[in-house]
Amino acid sequence: EDGAATTCTCRVGFTGDGLECVDLDECSLPGAHDCSANSSCVNMPGSYTCVCSDGFRLSPELGCIDVDECAEPGLSRCHALATCVNGEGNYSC
């Protein structure tokens, strides 16, 4: 043996002393994720993902943006003789 010490460290997204590592829940730590206001954070082993809330869809440039249910065929359940009014994340008839 040459006397060199072995150092173990946990991979990114995990915490511990290097001999034992557990998943770091980025979703429960303030500032550890960058999910937008119209999405929720879902913890994954070693990382996280952002999932858009109902009524929103992912735009690569803008994050989660409102879906206009009134403008897209088949998304609203309004009767053909009713007026559809889009709202932030929802709609009404």
C-alpha atoms as a PDB file:
ATOM      1  CA  GLU A   1       0.000   0.000   0.000  1.00  0.00           C
ATOM      2  CA  ASP A   2       1.270   3.455  -0.868  1.00  0.00           C
ATOM      3  CA  GLY A   3      -0.614   5.213   1.953  1.00  0.00           C
ATOM      4  CA  ALA A   4      -2.906   7.208  -0.363  1.00  0.00           C
ATOM      5  CA  ALA A   5      -6.375   7.759   1.064  1.00  0.00           C
ATOM      6  CA  THR A   6      -9.433   6.939  -1.010  1.00  0.00           C
ATOM      7  CA  THR A   7     -12.082   9.652  -1.137  1.00  0.00           C
ATOM      8  CA  CYS A   8     -15.655   8.861  -2.013  1.00  0.00           C
ATOM      9  CA  THR A   9     -18.232  11.487  -2.942  1.00  0.00           C
ATOM     10  CA  CYS A  10     -21.857  11.197  -3.918  1.00  0.00           C
ATOM     11  CA  ARG A  11     -22.905  11.963  -7.477  1.00  0.00           C
ATOM     12  CA  VAL A  12     -24.802  15.159  -8.319  1.00  0.00           C
ATOM     13  CA  GLY A  13     -28.403  14.854  -7.138  1.00  0.00           C
ATOM     14  CA  PHE A  14     -27.469  12.671  -4.167  1.00  0.00           C
ATOM     15  CA  THR A  15     -26.284  13.532  -0.678  1.00  0.00           C
ATOM     16  CA  GLY A  16     -24.223  11.654   1.901  1.00  0.00           C
ATOM     17  CA  ASP A  17     -20.670  10.917   2.921  1.00  0.00           C
ATOM     18  CA  GLY A  18     -19.719   9.005  -0.222  1.00  0.00           C
ATOM     19  CA  LEU A  19     -19.997   5.649   1.490  1.00  0.00           C
ATOM     20  CA  GLU A  20     -23.757   6.004   1.769  1.00  0.00           C
ATOM     21  CA  CYS A  21     -25.672   8.198  -0.686  1.00  0.00           C
ATOM     22  CA  VAL A  22     -29.385   9.020  -0.756  1.00  0.00           C
ATOM     23  CA  ASP A  23     -31.438  10.891  -3.309  1.00  0.00           C
ATOM     24  CA  LEU A  24     -31.576  14.660  -2.825  1.00  0.00           C
ATOM     25  CA  ASP A  25     -35.189  15.831  -3.165  1.00  0.00           C
ATOM     26  CA  GLU A  26     -34.680  19.012  -5.203  1.00  0.00           C
ATOM     27  CA  CYS A  27     -38.448  19.668  -5.149  1.00  0.00           C
ATOM     28  CA  SER A  28     -38.499  20.160  -1.377  1.00  0.00           C
ATOM     29  CA  LEU A  29     -35.492  22.504  -1.271  1.00  0.00           C
ATOM     30  CA  PRO A  30     -36.032  26.231  -1.979  1.00  0.00           C
ATOM     31  CA  GLY A  31     -34.031  27.321  -5.017  1.00  0.00           C
ATOM     32  CA  ALA A  32     -32.940  23.790  -5.957  1.00  0.00           C
ATOM     33  CA  HIS A  33     -35.238  23.616  -9.013  1.00  0.00           C
ATOM     34  CA  ASP A  34     -36.343  26.067 -11.693  1.00  0.00           C
ATOM     35  CA  CYS A  35     -39.921  24.925 -12.369  1.00  0.00           C
ATOM     36  CA  SER A  36     -42.201  27.779 -13.471  1.00  0.00           C
ATOM     37  CA  ALA A  37     -45.264  29.026 -11.600  1.00  0.00           C
ATOM     38  CA  ASN A  38     -47.624  27.021 -13.845  1.00  0.00           C
ATOM     39  CA  SER A  39     -45.882  23.715 -13.243  1.00  0.00           C
ATOM     40  CA  SER A  40     -45.048  21.329 -10.458  1.00  0.00           C
ATOM     41  CA  CYS A  41     -41.736  19.740  -9.564  1.00  0.00           C
ATOM     42  CA  VAL A  42     -41.501  15.937  -9.601  1.00  0.00           C
ATOM     43  CA  ASN A  43     -38.489  14.414  -7.848  1.00  0.00           C
ATOM     44  CA  MET A  44     -36.586  11.687  -9.704  1.00  0.00           C
ATOM     45  CA  PRO A  45     -33.542   9.667  -8.603  1.00  0.00           C
ATOM     46  CA  GLY A  46     -30.636  12.107  -8.846  1.00  0.00           C
ATOM     47  CA  SER A  47     -32.658  14.849 -10.518  1.00  0.00           C
ATOM     48  CA  TYR A  48     -36.139  16.312 -11.029  1.00  0.00           C
ATOM     49  CA  THR A  49     -38.525  17.187 -13.818  1.00  0.00           C
ATOM     50  CA  CYS A  50     -41.121  19.935 -14.217  1.00  0.00           C
ATOM     51  CA  VAL A  51     -44.648  18.952 -15.253  1.00  0.00           C
ATOM     52  CA  CYS A  52     -47.051  21.585 -16.581  1.00  0.00           C
ATOM     53  CA  SER A  53     -50.294  22.014 -14.628  1.00  0.00           C
ATOM     54  CA  ASP A  54     -53.614  21.092 -16.253  1.00  0.00           C
ATOM     55  CA  GLY A  55     -54.573  23.715 -18.821  1.00  0.00           C
ATOM     56  CA  PHE A  56     -50.939  24.549 -19.662  1.00  0.00           C
ATOM     57  CA  ARG A  57     -48.395  23.144 -22.120  1.00  0.00           C
ATOM     58  CA  LEU A  58     -44.622  23.327 -22.319  1.00  0.00           C
ATOM     59  CA  SER A  59     -43.061  25.927 -24.588  1.00  0.00           C
ATOM     60  CA  PRO A  60     -39.267  25.544 -24.892  1.00  0.00           C
ATOM     61  CA  GLU A  61     -38.797  29.328 -24.872  1.00  0.00           C
ATOM     62  CA  LEU A  62     -41.463  30.384 -22.356  1.00  0.00           C
ATOM     63  CA  GLY A  63     -41.981  27.483 -19.952  1.00  0.00           C
ATOM     64  CA  CYS A  64     -45.576  26.407 -19.244  1.00  0.00           C
ATOM     65  CA  ILE A  65     -48.036  28.560 -21.170  1.00  0.00           C
ATOM     66  CA  ASP A  66     -51.831  28.648 -21.167  1.00  0.00           C
ATOM     67  CA  VAL A  67     -53.680  26.327 -23.539  1.00  0.00           C
ATOM     68  CA  ASP A  68     -56.518  28.156 -25.318  1.00  0.00           C
ATOM     69  CA  GLU A  69     -59.161  25.434 -25.095  1.00  0.00           C
ATOM     70  CA  CYS A  70     -61.592  27.622 -27.047  1.00  0.00           C
ATOM     71  CA  ALA A  71     -59.291  27.989 -30.068  1.00  0.00           C
ATOM     72  CA  GLU A  72     -58.242  24.331 -30.330  1.00  0.00           C
ATOM     73  CA  PRO A  73     -60.866  21.932 -31.692  1.00  0.00           C
ATOM     74  CA  GLY A  74     -61.979  19.234 -29.273  1.00  0.00           C
ATOM     75  CA  LEU A  75     -60.520  20.759 -26.100  1.00  0.00           C
ATOM     76  CA  SER A  76     -63.638  22.482 -24.782  1.00  0.00           C
ATOM     77  CA  ARG A  77     -66.934  20.778 -24.015  1.00  0.00           C
ATOM     78  CA  CYS A  78     -69.022  23.843 -24.814  1.00  0.00           C
ATOM     79  CA  HIS A  79     -72.164  23.276 -26.868  1.00  0.00           C
ATOM     80  CA  ALA A  80     -71.946  24.424 -30.492  1.00  0.00           C
ATOM     81  CA  LEU A  81     -74.436  27.246 -29.722  1.00  0.00           C
ATOM     82  CA  ALA A  82     -72.577  28.407 -26.599  1.00  0.00           C
ATOM     83  CA  THR A  83     -69.732  30.909 -26.311  1.00  0.00           C
ATOM     84  CA  CYS A  84     -66.419  29.573 -25.053  1.00  0.00           C
ATOM     85  CA  VAL A  85     -64.321  31.933 -22.899  1.00  0.00           C
ATOM     86  CA  ASN A  86     -60.673  31.027 -22.314  1.00  0.00           C
ATOM     87  CA  GLY A  87     -59.196  31.614 -18.862  1.00  0.00           C
ATOM     88  CA  GLU A  88     -55.730  31.149 -17.357  1.00  0.00           C
ATOM     89  CA  GLY A  89     -55.422  27.348 -17.269  1.00  0.00           C
ATOM     90  CA  ASN A  90     -59.141  26.766 -17.876  1.00  0.00           C
ATOM     91  CA  TYR A  91     -62.194  27.878 -19.825  1.00  0.00           C
ATOM     92  CA  SER A  92     -65.917  28.461 -19.305  1.00  0.00           C
ATOM     93  CA  CYS A  93     -69.006  28.225 -21.486  1.00  0.00           C
END
